C-alpha atoms as a PDB file:
ATOM      1  CA  MET A   1      -6.518 -16.305  49.762  1.00  0.00           C
ATOM      2  CA  LYS A   2      -7.234 -12.714  50.785  1.00  0.00           C
ATOM      3  CA  GLN A   3      -3.585 -11.797  50.199  1.00  0.00           C
ATOM      4  CA  VAL A   4      -3.670 -13.320  46.715  1.00  0.00           C
ATOM      5  CA  CYS A   5      -6.828 -11.369  45.855  1.00  0.00           C
ATOM      6  CA  ALA A   6      -5.378  -8.150  47.268  1.00  0.00           C
ATOM      7  CA  LEU A   7      -2.189  -8.622  45.260  1.00  0.00           C
ATOM      8  CA  ALA A   8      -4.171  -9.319  42.090  1.00  0.00           C
ATOM      9  CA  VAL A   9      -6.249  -6.170  42.590  1.00  0.00           C
ATOM     10  CA  LEU A  10      -3.159  -4.104  43.360  1.00  0.00           C
ATOM     11  CA  GLY A  11      -1.401  -5.458  40.288  1.00  0.00           C
ATOM     12  CA  GLY A  12      -4.397  -4.600  38.126  1.00  0.00           C
ATOM     13  CA  MET A  13      -4.574  -1.100  39.549  1.00  0.00           C
ATOM     14  CA  LEU A  14      -0.866  -0.531  38.947  1.00  0.00           C
ATOM     15  CA  SER A  15      -1.192  -1.659  35.342  1.00  0.00           C
ATOM     16  CA  VAL A  16      -4.067   0.782  34.818  1.00  0.00           C
ATOM     17  CA  LEU A  17      -2.053   3.611  36.326  1.00  0.00           C
ATOM     18  CA  ALA A  18       1.072   2.707  34.371  1.00  0.00           C
ATOM     19  CA  SER A  19      -0.803   2.612  31.076  1.00  0.00           C
ATOM     20  CA  HIS A  20      -1.998   6.233  31.336  1.00  0.00           C
ATOM     21  CA  PRO A  21       0.063   9.377  31.554  1.00  0.00           C
ATOM     22  CA  ALA A  22       0.087  10.942  34.988  1.00  0.00           C
ATOM     23  CA  LEU A  23      -2.128  13.949  35.443  1.00  0.00           C
ATOM     24  CA  ALA A  24      -2.027  16.276  38.406  1.00  0.00           C
ATOM     25  CA  ALA A  25      -5.571  15.630  39.527  1.00  0.00           C
ATOM     26  CA  ASP A  26      -7.277  18.429  41.447  1.00  0.00           C
ATOM     27  CA  ALA A  27     -10.111  17.322  43.733  1.00  0.00           C
ATOM     28  CA  ARG A  28     -11.218  20.928  44.309  1.00  0.00           C
ATOM     29  CA  ALA A  29     -11.528  21.500  40.571  1.00  0.00           C
ATOM     30  CA  GLY A  30     -13.339  18.170  40.316  1.00  0.00           C
ATOM     31  CA  ARG A  31     -15.923  19.353  42.816  1.00  0.00           C
ATOM     32  CA  GLN A  32     -16.830  22.152  40.423  1.00  0.00           C
ATOM     33  CA  LYS A  33     -17.093  19.711  37.497  1.00  0.00           C
ATOM     34  CA  VAL A  34     -19.502  17.171  39.025  1.00  0.00           C
ATOM     35  CA  VAL A  35     -22.671  19.250  38.770  1.00  0.00           C
ATOM     36  CA  VAL A  36     -24.009  17.125  35.904  1.00  0.00           C
ATOM     37  CA  CYS A  37     -23.088  13.933  37.823  1.00  0.00           C
ATOM     38  CA  GLN A  38     -25.165  14.939  40.830  1.00  0.00           C
ATOM     39  CA  ALA A  39     -28.486  14.335  39.092  1.00  0.00           C
ATOM     40  CA  CYS A  40     -27.933  10.576  39.178  1.00  0.00           C
ATOM     41  CA  HIS A  41     -25.091  10.040  41.646  1.00  0.00           C
ATOM     42  CA  GLY A  42     -26.296  12.401  44.398  1.00  0.00           C
ATOM     43  CA  LEU A  43     -25.028  15.714  45.748  1.00  0.00           C
ATOM     44  CA  ASP A  44     -22.397  13.953  47.837  1.00  0.00           C
ATOM     45  CA  GLY A  45     -21.653  11.008  45.539  1.00  0.00           C
ATOM     46  CA  LEU A  46     -24.132   8.811  47.403  1.00  0.00           C
ATOM     47  CA  SER A  47     -26.870   7.984  44.967  1.00  0.00           C
ATOM     48  CA  LYS A  48     -30.538   8.054  45.868  1.00  0.00           C
ATOM     49  CA  ASN A  49     -31.255   6.418  42.497  1.00  0.00           C
ATOM     50  CA  PRO A  50     -31.177   2.600  42.754  1.00  0.00           C
ATOM     51  CA  GLU A  51     -29.873   2.356  39.177  1.00  0.00           C
ATOM     52  CA  ALA A  52     -26.898   4.693  39.693  1.00  0.00           C
ATOM     53  CA  PRO A  53     -23.888   3.599  41.734  1.00  0.00           C
ATOM     54  CA  ASN A  54     -22.369   5.491  44.638  1.00  0.00           C
ATOM     55  CA  LEU A  55     -19.188   7.268  43.573  1.00  0.00           C
ATOM     56  CA  ALA A  56     -18.092   8.674  46.936  1.00  0.00           C
ATOM     57  CA  GLY A  57     -15.020   6.923  48.269  1.00  0.00           C
ATOM     58  CA  GLN A  58     -14.394   4.881  45.120  1.00  0.00           C
ATOM     59  CA  VAL A  59     -10.810   4.135  44.123  1.00  0.00           C
ATOM     60  CA  GLU A  60      -9.507   6.979  41.961  1.00  0.00           C
ATOM     61  CA  ALA A  61      -7.860   4.740  39.351  1.00  0.00           C
ATOM     62  CA  TYR A  62     -11.099   2.761  38.972  1.00  0.00           C
ATOM     63  CA  LEU A  63     -13.087   5.947  38.332  1.00  0.00           C
ATOM     64  CA  VAL A  64     -10.531   7.184  35.794  1.00  0.00           C
ATOM     65  CA  LYS A  65     -10.637   3.873  33.932  1.00  0.00           C
ATOM     66  CA  ALA A  66     -14.441   3.722  33.994  1.00  0.00           C
ATOM     67  CA  LEU A  67     -14.816   7.268  32.644  1.00  0.00           C
ATOM     68  CA  ARG A  68     -12.220   6.686  29.931  1.00  0.00           C
ATOM     69  CA  ASP A  69     -13.967   3.456  28.945  1.00  0.00           C
ATOM     70  CA  TYR A  70     -17.342   5.245  28.751  1.00  0.00           C
ATOM     71  CA  LYS A  71     -15.745   8.012  26.681  1.00  0.00           C
ATOM     72  CA  ALA A  72     -14.190   5.498  24.266  1.00  0.00           C
ATOM     73  CA  GLY A  73     -17.423   3.506  24.044  1.00  0.00           C
ATOM     74  CA  GLU A  74     -15.700   0.425  25.469  1.00  0.00           C
ATOM     75  CA  ARG A  75     -18.125   0.460  28.387  1.00  0.00           C
ATOM     76  CA  LYS A  76     -21.760   0.877  27.433  1.00  0.00           C
ATOM     77  CA  HIS A  77     -24.354   3.005  29.198  1.00  0.00           C
ATOM     78  CA  GLU A  78     -26.533   5.363  27.207  1.00  0.00           C
ATOM     79  CA  THR A  79     -26.259   8.311  29.589  1.00  0.00           C
ATOM     80  CA  MET A  80     -22.657   7.804  30.666  1.00  0.00           C
ATOM     81  CA  ASN A  81     -21.400   7.474  27.102  1.00  0.00           C
ATOM     82  CA  ILE A  82     -22.962  10.856  26.293  1.00  0.00           C
ATOM     83  CA  VAL A  83     -21.685  12.552  29.459  1.00  0.00           C
ATOM     84  CA  ALA A  84     -18.136  11.164  29.182  1.00  0.00           C
ATOM     85  CA  ARG A  85     -17.803  11.860  25.456  1.00  0.00           C
ATOM     86  CA  ASP A  86     -16.920  15.531  26.003  1.00  0.00           C
ATOM     87  CA  LEU A  87     -14.668  15.107  29.052  1.00  0.00           C
ATOM     88  CA  ALA A  88     -11.013  16.017  28.658  1.00  0.00           C
ATOM     89  CA  ASP A  89      -8.410  13.831  30.401  1.00  0.00           C
ATOM     90  CA  GLU A  90      -7.943  16.606  32.956  1.00  0.00           C
ATOM     91  CA  ASP A  91     -11.697  16.642  33.700  1.00  0.00           C
ATOM     92  CA  ILE A  92     -11.710  12.872  34.176  1.00  0.00           C
ATOM     93  CA  ALA A  93      -8.732  13.059  36.535  1.00  0.00           C
ATOM     94  CA  ASP A  94     -10.270  15.906  38.555  1.00  0.00           C
ATOM     95  CA  VAL A  95     -13.691  14.256  38.864  1.00  0.00           C
ATOM     96  CA  ALA A  96     -12.103  10.953  39.908  1.00  0.00           C
ATOM     97  CA  ALA A  97      -9.910  12.742  42.462  1.00  0.00           C
ATOM     98  CA  TYR A  98     -12.929  14.520  43.913  1.00  0.00           C
ATOM     99  CA  TYR A  99     -15.080  11.434  44.344  1.00  0.00           C
ATOM    100  CA  ALA A 100     -12.132   9.405  45.682  1.00  0.00           C
ATOM    101  CA  SER A 101     -11.418  12.117  48.264  1.00  0.00           C
ATOM    102  CA  ILE A 102     -14.861  11.811  49.865  1.00  0.00           C
ATOM    103  CA  GLN A 103     -14.593   9.818  53.073  1.00  0.00           C
ATOM    104  CA  VAL A 104     -17.237   7.157  53.485  1.00  0.00           C
ATOM    105  CA  ASP A 105     -17.757   5.533  56.873  1.00  0.00           C
ATOM    106  CA  VAL A 106     -19.118   2.022  56.839  1.00  0.00           C
ATOM    107  CA  LEU A 107     -21.032   0.811  59.856  1.00  0.00           C
ATOM    108  CA  PRO A 108     -21.566  -2.944  60.123  1.00  0.00           C
ATOM    109  CA  PRO A 109     -25.119  -4.051  60.865  1.00  0.00           C
END
């Protein structure tokens, strides 16, 4: 069952990546572009706000898709739609690369 789920997720991720032109994402440039994100998502991508998700360590393709969906209005959130509206594809790629590059260690209880 786990293998089937993993394959389904991988297939979905590949279709997302295949449907968008490749951009040379730059995590260092992304770090400079996340200043506005930090208000809700935390200085390190780990939110202190219970209504804002953690972005650190997220899958890069997921973040790209989410930001593009907010920009297009396909995903609704009052603040995110406004923030994403002015992002260029390069900005989206860089921001996603930055947050995906942050290592998150998970410690079981």
